[in-house]
Amino acid sequence: MTELTGVNFTFKAVNPVSFYFSKVRSGVPRGFAVVMTILHFLPRFQNEPEISANFKMLTGKEPTTLKAFILREREKIMNAQNAY
């Protein structure tokens, strides 16, 4: 995204325990914070899923590549980044 938009995007991995407590501090009920934490972090420990042909089968169209999506939505992405 950085290369295509000129905006420096970074990713900071969040510790699951910190994530949980930040949700609780923000008012999320503890049980729901547990569910959010599991849903947020569980995919990191699973294998990458196979890419299916379902989109093309359902729509008759080729799926958009990430690069094409970023280029198409570049202005919105840059505006959203500027909001922070």
PDB file of N, CA and C in Angstrom:
ATOM      1  N   MET A   1       0.829  -1.184   0.000  1.00  0.00           N
ATOM      2  CA  MET A   1       0.000   0.000   0.000  1.00  0.00           C
ATOM      3  C   MET A   1       0.874   1.248   0.000  1.00  0.00           C
ATOM      4  N   THR A   2       1.957   1.204   0.752  1.00  0.00           N
ATOM      5  CA  THR A   2       2.849   2.360   0.796  1.00  0.00           C
ATOM      6  C   THR A   2       3.363   2.692  -0.592  1.00  0.00           C
ATOM      7  N   GLU A   3       3.803   1.668  -1.304  1.00  0.00           N
ATOM      8  CA  GLU A   3       4.358   1.871  -2.646  1.00  0.00           C
ATOM      9  C   GLU A   3       3.324   2.456  -3.609  1.00  0.00           C
ATOM     10  N   LEU A   4       2.085   2.014  -3.502  1.00  0.00           N
ATOM     11  CA  LEU A   4       1.052   2.444  -4.447  1.00  0.00           C
ATOM     12  C   LEU A   4       0.392   3.768  -4.090  1.00  0.00           C
ATOM     13  N   THR A   5       0.429   4.141  -2.813  1.00  0.00           N
ATOM     14  CA  THR A   5      -0.253   5.375  -2.400  1.00  0.00           C
ATOM     15  C   THR A   5       0.700   6.489  -2.022  1.00  0.00           C
ATOM     16  N   GLY A   6       1.946   6.147  -1.711  1.00  0.00           N
ATOM     17  CA  GLY A   6       2.882   7.158  -1.236  1.00  0.00           C
ATOM     18  C   GLY A   6       2.703   7.473   0.240  1.00  0.00           C
ATOM     19  N   VAL A   7       1.759   6.810   0.893  1.00  0.00           N
ATOM     20  CA  VAL A   7       1.518   6.988   2.325  1.00  0.00           C
ATOM     21  C   VAL A   7       2.213   5.839   3.052  1.00  0.00           C
ATOM     22  N   ASN A   8       2.945   6.172   4.121  1.00  0.00           N
ATOM     23  CA  ASN A   8       3.672   5.141   4.857  1.00  0.00           C
ATOM     24  C   ASN A   8       2.725   4.383   5.777  1.00  0.00           C
ATOM     25  N   PHE A   9       2.429   3.127   5.432  1.00  0.00           N
ATOM     26  CA  PHE A   9       1.593   2.260   6.254  1.00  0.00           C
ATOM     27  C   PHE A   9       2.491   1.312   7.018  1.00  0.00           C
ATOM     28  N   THR A  10       2.199   1.130   8.295  1.00  0.00           N
ATOM     29  CA  THR A  10       2.946   0.183   9.107  1.00  0.00           C
ATOM     30  C   THR A  10       1.955  -0.687   9.865  1.00  0.00           C
ATOM     31  N   PHE A  11       2.443  -1.829  10.308  1.00  0.00           N
ATOM     32  CA  PHE A  11       1.618  -2.745  11.096  1.00  0.00           C
ATOM     33  C   PHE A  11       2.344  -3.019  12.390  1.00  0.00           C
ATOM     34  N   LYS A  12       1.631  -2.861  13.495  1.00  0.00           N
ATOM     35  CA  LYS A  12       2.205  -3.172  14.798  1.00  0.00           C
ATOM     36  C   LYS A  12       1.394  -4.323  15.383  1.00  0.00           C
ATOM     37  N   ALA A  13       2.050  -5.453  15.591  1.00  0.00           N
ATOM     38  CA  ALA A  13       1.378  -6.611  16.170  1.00  0.00           C
ATOM     39  C   ALA A  13       1.010  -6.298  17.621  1.00  0.00           C
ATOM     40  N   VAL A  14      -0.205  -6.613  17.993  1.00  0.00           N
ATOM     41  CA  VAL A  14      -0.699  -6.354  19.340  1.00  0.00           C
ATOM     42  C   VAL A  14      -0.674  -7.653  20.140  1.00  0.00           C
ATOM     43  N   ASN A  15      -0.237  -7.567  21.367  1.00  0.00           N
ATOM     44  CA  ASN A  15      -0.230  -8.704  22.271  1.00  0.00           C
ATOM     45  C   ASN A  15      -1.680  -9.059  22.617  1.00  0.00           C
ATOM     46  N   PRO A  16      -2.079 -10.337  22.568  1.00  0.00           N
ATOM     47  CA  PRO A  16      -3.465 -10.715  22.858  1.00  0.00           C
ATOM     48  C   PRO A  16      -3.951 -10.269  24.238  1.00  0.00           C
ATOM     49  N   VAL A  17      -3.088 -10.336  25.235  1.00  0.00           N
ATOM     50  CA  VAL A  17      -3.481  -9.919  26.585  1.00  0.00           C
ATOM     51  C   VAL A  17      -3.733  -8.416  26.607  1.00  0.00           C
ATOM     52  N   SER A  18      -2.857  -7.649  25.978  1.00  0.00           N
ATOM     53  CA  SER A  18      -3.050  -6.197  25.898  1.00  0.00           C
ATOM     54  C   SER A  18      -4.328  -5.862  25.136  1.00  0.00           C
ATOM     55  N   PHE A  19      -4.583  -6.608  24.054  1.00  0.00           N
ATOM     56  CA  PHE A  19      -5.793  -6.395  23.266  1.00  0.00           C
ATOM     57  C   PHE A  19      -7.030  -6.599  24.138  1.00  0.00           C
ATOM     58  N   TYR A  20      -7.048  -7.694  24.876  1.00  0.00           N
ATOM     59  CA  TYR A  20      -8.179  -8.008  25.755  1.00  0.00           C
ATOM     60  C   TYR A  20      -8.410  -6.884  26.769  1.00  0.00           C
ATOM     61  N   PHE A  21      -7.364  -6.492  27.471  1.00  0.00           N
ATOM     62  CA  PHE A  21      -7.533  -5.482  28.514  1.00  0.00           C
ATOM     63  C   PHE A  21      -7.894  -4.111  27.935  1.00  0.00           C
ATOM     64  N   SER A  22      -7.410  -3.799  26.740  1.00  0.00           N
ATOM     65  CA  SER A  22      -7.791  -2.521  26.129  1.00  0.00           C
ATOM     66  C   SER A  22      -9.278  -2.516  25.786  1.00  0.00           C
ATOM     67  N   LYS A  23      -9.811  -3.663  25.374  1.00  0.00           N
ATOM     68  CA  LYS A  23     -11.249  -3.756  25.078  1.00  0.00           C
ATOM     69  C   LYS A  23     -12.070  -3.622  26.360  1.00  0.00           C
ATOM     70  N   VAL A  24     -11.633  -4.287  27.427  1.00  0.00           N
ATOM     71  CA  VAL A  24     -12.344  -4.202  28.710  1.00  0.00           C
ATOM     72  C   VAL A  24     -12.321  -2.760  29.221  1.00  0.00           C
ATOM     73  N   ARG A  25     -11.153  -2.105  29.140  1.00  0.00           N
ATOM     74  CA  ARG A  25     -11.038  -0.714  29.591  1.00  0.00           C
ATOM     75  C   ARG A  25     -11.934   0.218  28.786  1.00  0.00           C
ATOM     76  N   SER A  26     -12.167  -0.125  27.519  1.00  0.00           N
ATOM     77  CA  SER A  26     -13.011   0.736  26.681  1.00  0.00           C
ATOM     78  C   SER A  26     -14.502   0.464  26.888  1.00  0.00           C
ATOM     79  N   GLY A  27     -14.832  -0.475  27.792  1.00  0.00           N
ATOM     80  CA  GLY A  27     -16.233  -0.710  28.127  1.00  0.00           C
ATOM     81  C   GLY A  27     -16.848  -1.965  27.540  1.00  0.00           C
ATOM     82  N   VAL A  28     -16.071  -2.747  26.814  1.00  0.00           N
ATOM     83  CA  VAL A  28     -16.588  -3.998  26.253  1.00  0.00           C
ATOM     84  C   VAL A  28     -16.742  -5.008  27.394  1.00  0.00           C
ATOM     85  N   PRO A  29     -17.888  -5.675  27.505  1.00  0.00           N
ATOM     86  CA  PRO A  29     -18.048  -6.695  28.544  1.00  0.00           C
ATOM     87  C   PRO A  29     -16.970  -7.774  28.433  1.00  0.00           C
ATOM     88  N   ARG A  30     -16.519  -8.285  29.574  1.00  0.00           N
ATOM     89  CA  ARG A  30     -15.397  -9.236  29.605  1.00  0.00           C
ATOM     90  C   ARG A  30     -15.608 -10.454  28.699  1.00  0.00           C
ATOM     91  N   GLY A  31     -16.791 -11.046  28.730  1.00  0.00           N
ATOM     92  CA  GLY A  31     -17.055 -12.214  27.896  1.00  0.00           C
ATOM     93  C   GLY A  31     -16.933 -11.908  26.419  1.00  0.00           C
ATOM     94  N   PHE A  32     -17.458 -10.753  26.031  1.00  0.00           N
ATOM     95  CA  PHE A  32     -17.375 -10.363  24.625  1.00  0.00           C
ATOM     96  C   PHE A  32     -15.935 -10.026  24.250  1.00  0.00           C
ATOM     97  N   ALA A  33     -15.181  -9.438  25.194  1.00  0.00           N
ATOM     98  CA  ALA A  33     -13.771  -9.139  24.938  1.00  0.00           C
ATOM     99  C   ALA A  33     -12.977 -10.426  24.707  1.00  0.00           C
ATOM    100  N   VAL A  34     -13.336 -11.496  25.432  1.00  0.00           N
ATOM    101  CA  VAL A  34     -12.688 -12.795  25.218  1.00  0.00           C
ATOM    102  C   VAL A  34     -12.977 -13.284  23.803  1.00  0.00           C
ATOM    103  N   VAL A  35     -14.238 -13.211  23.397  1.00  0.00           N
ATOM    104  CA  VAL A  35     -14.620 -13.656  22.045  1.00  0.00           C
ATOM    105  C   VAL A  35     -13.889 -12.826  20.999  1.00  0.00           C
ATOM    106  N   MET A  36     -13.856 -11.512  21.165  1.00  0.00           N
ATOM    107  CA  MET A  36     -13.153 -10.639  20.214  1.00  0.00           C
ATOM    108  C   MET A  36     -11.676 -11.014  20.119  1.00  0.00           C
ATOM    109  N   THR A  37     -11.059 -11.282  21.268  1.00  0.00           N
ATOM    110  CA  THR A  37      -9.643 -11.631  21.290  1.00  0.00           C
ATOM    111  C   THR A  37      -9.400 -12.940  20.548  1.00  0.00           C
ATOM    112  N   ILE A  38     -10.228 -13.928  20.804  1.00  0.00           N
ATOM    113  CA  ILE A  38     -10.084 -15.222  20.123  1.00  0.00           C
ATOM    114  C   ILE A  38     -10.268 -15.056  18.622  1.00  0.00           C
ATOM    115  N   LEU A  39     -11.312 -14.344  18.215  1.00  0.00           N
ATOM    116  CA  LEU A  39     -11.573 -14.162  16.781  1.00  0.00           C
ATOM    117  C   LEU A  39     -10.471 -13.357  16.097  1.00  0.00           C
ATOM    118  N   HIS A  40      -9.875 -12.443  16.841  1.00  0.00           N
ATOM    119  CA  HIS A  40      -8.823 -11.604  16.266  1.00  0.00           C
ATOM    120  C   HIS A  40      -7.502 -12.357  16.119  1.00  0.00           C
ATOM    121  N   PHE A  41      -7.184 -13.203  17.092  1.00  0.00           N
ATOM    122  CA  PHE A  41      -5.868 -13.836  17.105  1.00  0.00           C
ATOM    123  C   PHE A  41      -5.831 -15.273  16.602  1.00  0.00           C
ATOM    124  N   LEU A  42      -6.923 -16.008  16.662  1.00  0.00           N
ATOM    125  CA  LEU A  42      -6.932 -17.404  16.247  1.00  0.00           C
ATOM    126  C   LEU A  42      -6.475 -17.614  14.798  1.00  0.00           C
ATOM    127  N   PRO A  43      -6.895 -16.782  13.850  1.00  0.00           N
ATOM    128  CA  PRO A  43      -6.445 -17.008  12.468  1.00  0.00           C
ATOM    129  C   PRO A  43      -4.931 -16.969  12.294  1.00  0.00           C
ATOM    130  N   ARG A  44      -4.222 -16.304  13.183  1.00  0.00           N
ATOM    131  CA  ARG A  44      -2.757 -16.245  13.073  1.00  0.00           C
ATOM    132  C   ARG A  44      -2.110 -17.608  13.259  1.00  0.00           C
ATOM    133  N   PHE A  45      -2.811 -18.516  13.911  1.00  0.00           N
ATOM    134  CA  PHE A  45      -2.247 -19.830  14.216  1.00  0.00           C
ATOM    135  C   PHE A  45      -2.755 -20.929  13.284  1.00  0.00           C
ATOM    136  N   GLN A  46      -3.487 -20.539  12.256  1.00  0.00           N
ATOM    137  CA  GLN A  46      -4.022 -21.508  11.308  1.00  0.00           C
ATOM    138  C   GLN A  46      -3.299 -21.381   9.976  1.00  0.00           C
ATOM    139  N   ASN A  47      -3.363 -22.424   9.187  1.00  0.00           N
ATOM    140  CA  ASN A  47      -2.776 -22.382   7.855  1.00  0.00           C
ATOM    141  C   ASN A  47      -3.575 -21.439   6.964  1.00  0.00           C
ATOM    142  N   GLU A  48      -2.887 -20.879   6.004  1.00  0.00           N
ATOM    143  CA  GLU A  48      -3.545 -19.994   5.045  1.00  0.00           C
ATOM    144  C   GLU A  48      -4.554 -20.811   4.232  1.00  0.00           C
ATOM    145  N   PRO A  49      -5.786 -20.315   4.093  1.00  0.00           N
ATOM    146  CA  PRO A  49      -6.786 -21.085   3.351  1.00  0.00           C
ATOM    147  C   PRO A  49      -6.495 -21.099   1.848  1.00  0.00           C
ATOM    148  N   GLU A  50      -6.967 -22.133   1.190  1.00  0.00           N
ATOM    149  CA  GLU A  50      -6.835 -22.196  -0.263  1.00  0.00           C
ATOM    150  C   GLU A  50      -7.755 -21.170  -0.901  1.00  0.00           C
ATOM    151  N   ILE A  51      -7.323 -20.626  -2.017  1.00  0.00           N
ATOM    152  CA  ILE A  51      -8.155 -19.667  -2.746  1.00  0.00           C
ATOM    153  C   ILE A  51      -9.145 -20.469  -3.581  1.00  0.00           C
ATOM    154  N   SER A  52     -10.417 -20.114  -3.461  1.00  0.00           N
ATOM    155  CA  SER A  52     -11.443 -20.852  -4.196  1.00  0.00           C
ATOM    156  C   SER A  52     -11.862 -20.078  -5.444  1.00  0.00           C
ATOM    157  N   ALA A  53     -12.640 -20.722  -6.273  1.00  0.00           N
ATOM    158  CA  ALA A  53     -13.178 -20.098  -7.478  1.00  0.00           C
ATOM    159  C   ALA A  53     -14.614 -19.634  -7.239  1.00  0.00           C
ATOM    160  N   ASN A  54     -15.043 -19.567  -5.981  1.00  0.00           N
ATOM    161  CA  ASN A  54     -16.438 -19.229  -5.677  1.00  0.00           C
ATOM    162  C   ASN A  54     -16.861 -17.860  -6.195  1.00  0.00           C
ATOM    163  N   PHE A  55     -16.004 -16.855  -6.063  1.00  0.00           N
ATOM    164  CA  PHE A  55     -16.380 -15.517  -6.516  1.00  0.00           C
ATOM    165  C   PHE A  55     -16.707 -15.525  -8.008  1.00  0.00           C
ATOM    166  N   LYS A  56     -15.814 -16.099  -8.801  1.00  0.00           N
ATOM    167  CA  LYS A  56     -16.049 -16.154 -10.249  1.00  0.00           C
ATOM    168  C   LYS A  56     -17.274 -16.998 -10.570  1.00  0.00           C
ATOM    169  N   MET A  57     -17.452 -18.094  -9.845  1.00  0.00           N
ATOM    170  CA  MET A  57     -18.588 -18.972 -10.077  1.00  0.00           C
ATOM    171  C   MET A  57     -19.902 -18.234  -9.791  1.00  0.00           C
ATOM    172  N   LEU A  58     -19.925 -17.438  -8.728  1.00  0.00           N
ATOM    173  CA  LEU A  58     -21.149 -16.731  -8.352  1.00  0.00           C
ATOM    174  C   LEU A  58     -21.425 -15.489  -9.183  1.00  0.00           C
ATOM    175  N   THR A  59     -20.355 -14.769  -9.548  1.00  0.00           N
ATOM    176  CA  THR A  59     -20.545 -13.484 -10.236  1.00  0.00           C
ATOM    177  C   THR A  59     -20.253 -13.529 -11.724  1.00  0.00           C
ATOM    178  N   GLY A  60     -19.485 -14.528 -12.143  1.00  0.00           N
ATOM    179  CA  GLY A  60     -19.068 -14.578 -13.545  1.00  0.00           C
ATOM    180  C   GLY A  60     -17.915 -13.629 -13.834  1.00  0.00           C
ATOM    181  N   LYS A  61     -17.367 -13.001 -12.799  1.00  0.00           N
ATOM    182  CA  LYS A  61     -16.272 -12.041 -12.969  1.00  0.00           C
ATOM    183  C   LYS A  61     -15.026 -12.549 -12.263  1.00  0.00           C
ATOM    184  N   GLU A  62     -13.872 -12.090 -12.758  1.00  0.00           N
ATOM    185  CA  GLU A  62     -12.618 -12.383 -12.073  1.00  0.00           C
ATOM    186  C   GLU A  62     -12.534 -11.508 -10.825  1.00  0.00           C
ATOM    187  N   PRO A  63     -12.012 -12.039  -9.734  1.00  0.00           N
ATOM    188  CA  PRO A  63     -11.857 -11.202  -8.546  1.00  0.00           C
ATOM    189  C   PRO A  63     -10.819 -10.105  -8.783  1.00  0.00           C
ATOM    190  N   THR A  64     -10.965  -9.010  -8.089  1.00  0.00           N
ATOM    191  CA  THR A  64     -10.023  -7.899  -8.179  1.00  0.00           C
ATOM    192  C   THR A  64      -8.756  -8.253  -7.410  1.00  0.00           C
ATOM    193  N   THR A  65      -7.623  -7.918  -7.964  1.00  0.00           N
ATOM    194  CA  THR A  65      -6.369  -8.116  -7.232  1.00  0.00           C
ATOM    195  C   THR A  65      -6.250  -7.024  -6.172  1.00  0.00           C
ATOM    196  N   LEU A  66      -5.441  -7.276  -5.162  1.00  0.00           N
ATOM    197  CA  LEU A  66      -5.222  -6.274  -4.121  1.00  0.00           C
ATOM    198  C   LEU A  66      -4.637  -5.005  -4.730  1.00  0.00           C
ATOM    199  N   LYS A  67      -3.697  -5.155  -5.648  1.00  0.00           N
ATOM    200  CA  LYS A  67      -3.079  -3.990  -6.293  1.00  0.00           C
ATOM    201  C   LYS A  67      -4.122  -3.167  -7.044  1.00  0.00           C
ATOM    202  N   ALA A  68      -4.990  -3.820  -7.810  1.00  0.00           N
ATOM    203  CA  ALA A  68      -6.031  -3.102  -8.550  1.00  0.00           C
ATOM    204  C   ALA A  68      -6.992  -2.403  -7.597  1.00  0.00           C
ATOM    205  N   PHE A  69      -7.337  -3.068  -6.492  1.00  0.00           N
ATOM    206  CA  PHE A  69      -8.226  -2.460  -5.495  1.00  0.00           C
ATOM    207  C   PHE A  69      -7.594  -1.210  -4.896  1.00  0.00           C
ATOM    208  N   ILE A  70      -6.313  -1.302  -4.501  1.00  0.00           N
ATOM    209  CA  ILE A  70      -5.628  -0.160  -3.902  1.00  0.00           C
ATOM    210  C   ILE A  70      -5.564   1.000  -4.891  1.00  0.00           C
ATOM    211  N   LEU A  71      -5.233   0.708  -6.134  1.00  0.00           N
ATOM    212  CA  LEU A  71      -5.173   1.776  -7.143  1.00  0.00           C
ATOM    213  C   LEU A  71      -6.549   2.397  -7.369  1.00  0.00           C
ATOM    214  N   ARG A  72      -7.576   1.581  -7.409  1.00  0.00           N
ATOM    215  CA  ARG A  72      -8.936   2.086  -7.623  1.00  0.00           C
ATOM    216  C   ARG A  72      -9.408   2.932  -6.440  1.00  0.00           C
ATOM    217  N   GLU A  73      -9.063   2.518  -5.239  1.00  0.00           N
ATOM    218  CA  GLU A  73      -9.533   3.187  -4.026  1.00  0.00           C
ATOM    219  C   GLU A  73      -8.477   4.083  -3.393  1.00  0.00           C
ATOM    220  N   ARG A  74      -7.442   4.392  -4.140  1.00  0.00           N
ATOM    221  CA  ARG A  74      -6.290   5.150  -3.625  1.00  0.00           C
ATOM    222  C   ARG A  74      -6.706   6.422  -2.897  1.00  0.00           C
ATOM    223  N   GLU A  75      -7.546   7.202  -3.501  1.00  0.00           N
ATOM    224  CA  GLU A  75      -7.962   8.479  -2.898  1.00  0.00           C
ATOM    225  C   GLU A  75      -8.655   8.261  -1.548  1.00  0.00           C
ATOM    226  N   LYS A  76      -9.543   7.284  -1.474  1.00  0.00           N
ATOM    227  CA  LYS A  76     -10.237   6.997  -0.208  1.00  0.00           C
ATOM    228  C   LYS A  76      -9.254   6.525   0.855  1.00  0.00           C
ATOM    229  N   ILE A  77      -8.302   5.685   0.448  1.00  0.00           N
ATOM    230  CA  ILE A  77      -7.306   5.184   1.386  1.00  0.00           C
ATOM    231  C   ILE A  77      -6.483   6.346   1.927  1.00  0.00           C
ATOM    232  N   MET A  78      -6.058   7.230   1.059  1.00  0.00           N
ATOM    233  CA  MET A  78      -5.237   8.365   1.475  1.00  0.00           C
ATOM    234  C   MET A  78      -6.028   9.310   2.365  1.00  0.00           C
ATOM    235  N   ASN A  79      -7.296   9.530   2.055  1.00  0.00           N
ATOM    236  CA  ASN A  79      -8.135  10.399   2.883  1.00  0.00           C
ATOM    237  C   ASN A  79      -8.349   9.786   4.261  1.00  0.00           C
ATOM    238  N   ALA A  80      -8.550   8.485   4.325  1.00  0.00           N
ATOM    239  CA  ALA A  80      -8.732   7.811   5.607  1.00  0.00           C
ATOM    240  C   ALA A  80      -7.453   7.892   6.419  1.00  0.00           C
ATOM    241  N   GLN A  81      -6.305   7.733   5.789  1.00  0.00           N
ATOM    242  CA  GLN A  81      -5.025   7.815   6.492  1.00  0.00           C
ATOM    243  C   GLN A  81      -4.822   9.224   7.034  1.00  0.00           C
ATOM    244  N   ASN A  82      -5.216  10.236   6.284  1.00  0.00           N
ATOM    245  CA  ASN A  82      -5.054  11.615   6.722  1.00  0.00           C
ATOM    246  C   ASN A  82      -5.963  11.956   7.905  1.00  0.00           C
ATOM    247  N   ALA A  83      -7.018  11.186   8.104  1.00  0.00           N
ATOM    248  CA  ALA A  83      -7.948  11.425   9.214  1.00  0.00           C
ATOM    249  C   ALA A  83      -7.307  11.076  10.547  1.00  0.00           C
ATOM    250  N   TYR A  84      -6.241  10.280  10.534  1.00  0.00           N
ATOM    251  CA  TYR A  84      -5.567   9.883  11.768  1.00  0.00           C
ATOM    252  C   TYR A  84      -4.375  10.745  11.948  1.00  0.00           C
TER     253      TYR A  84
END
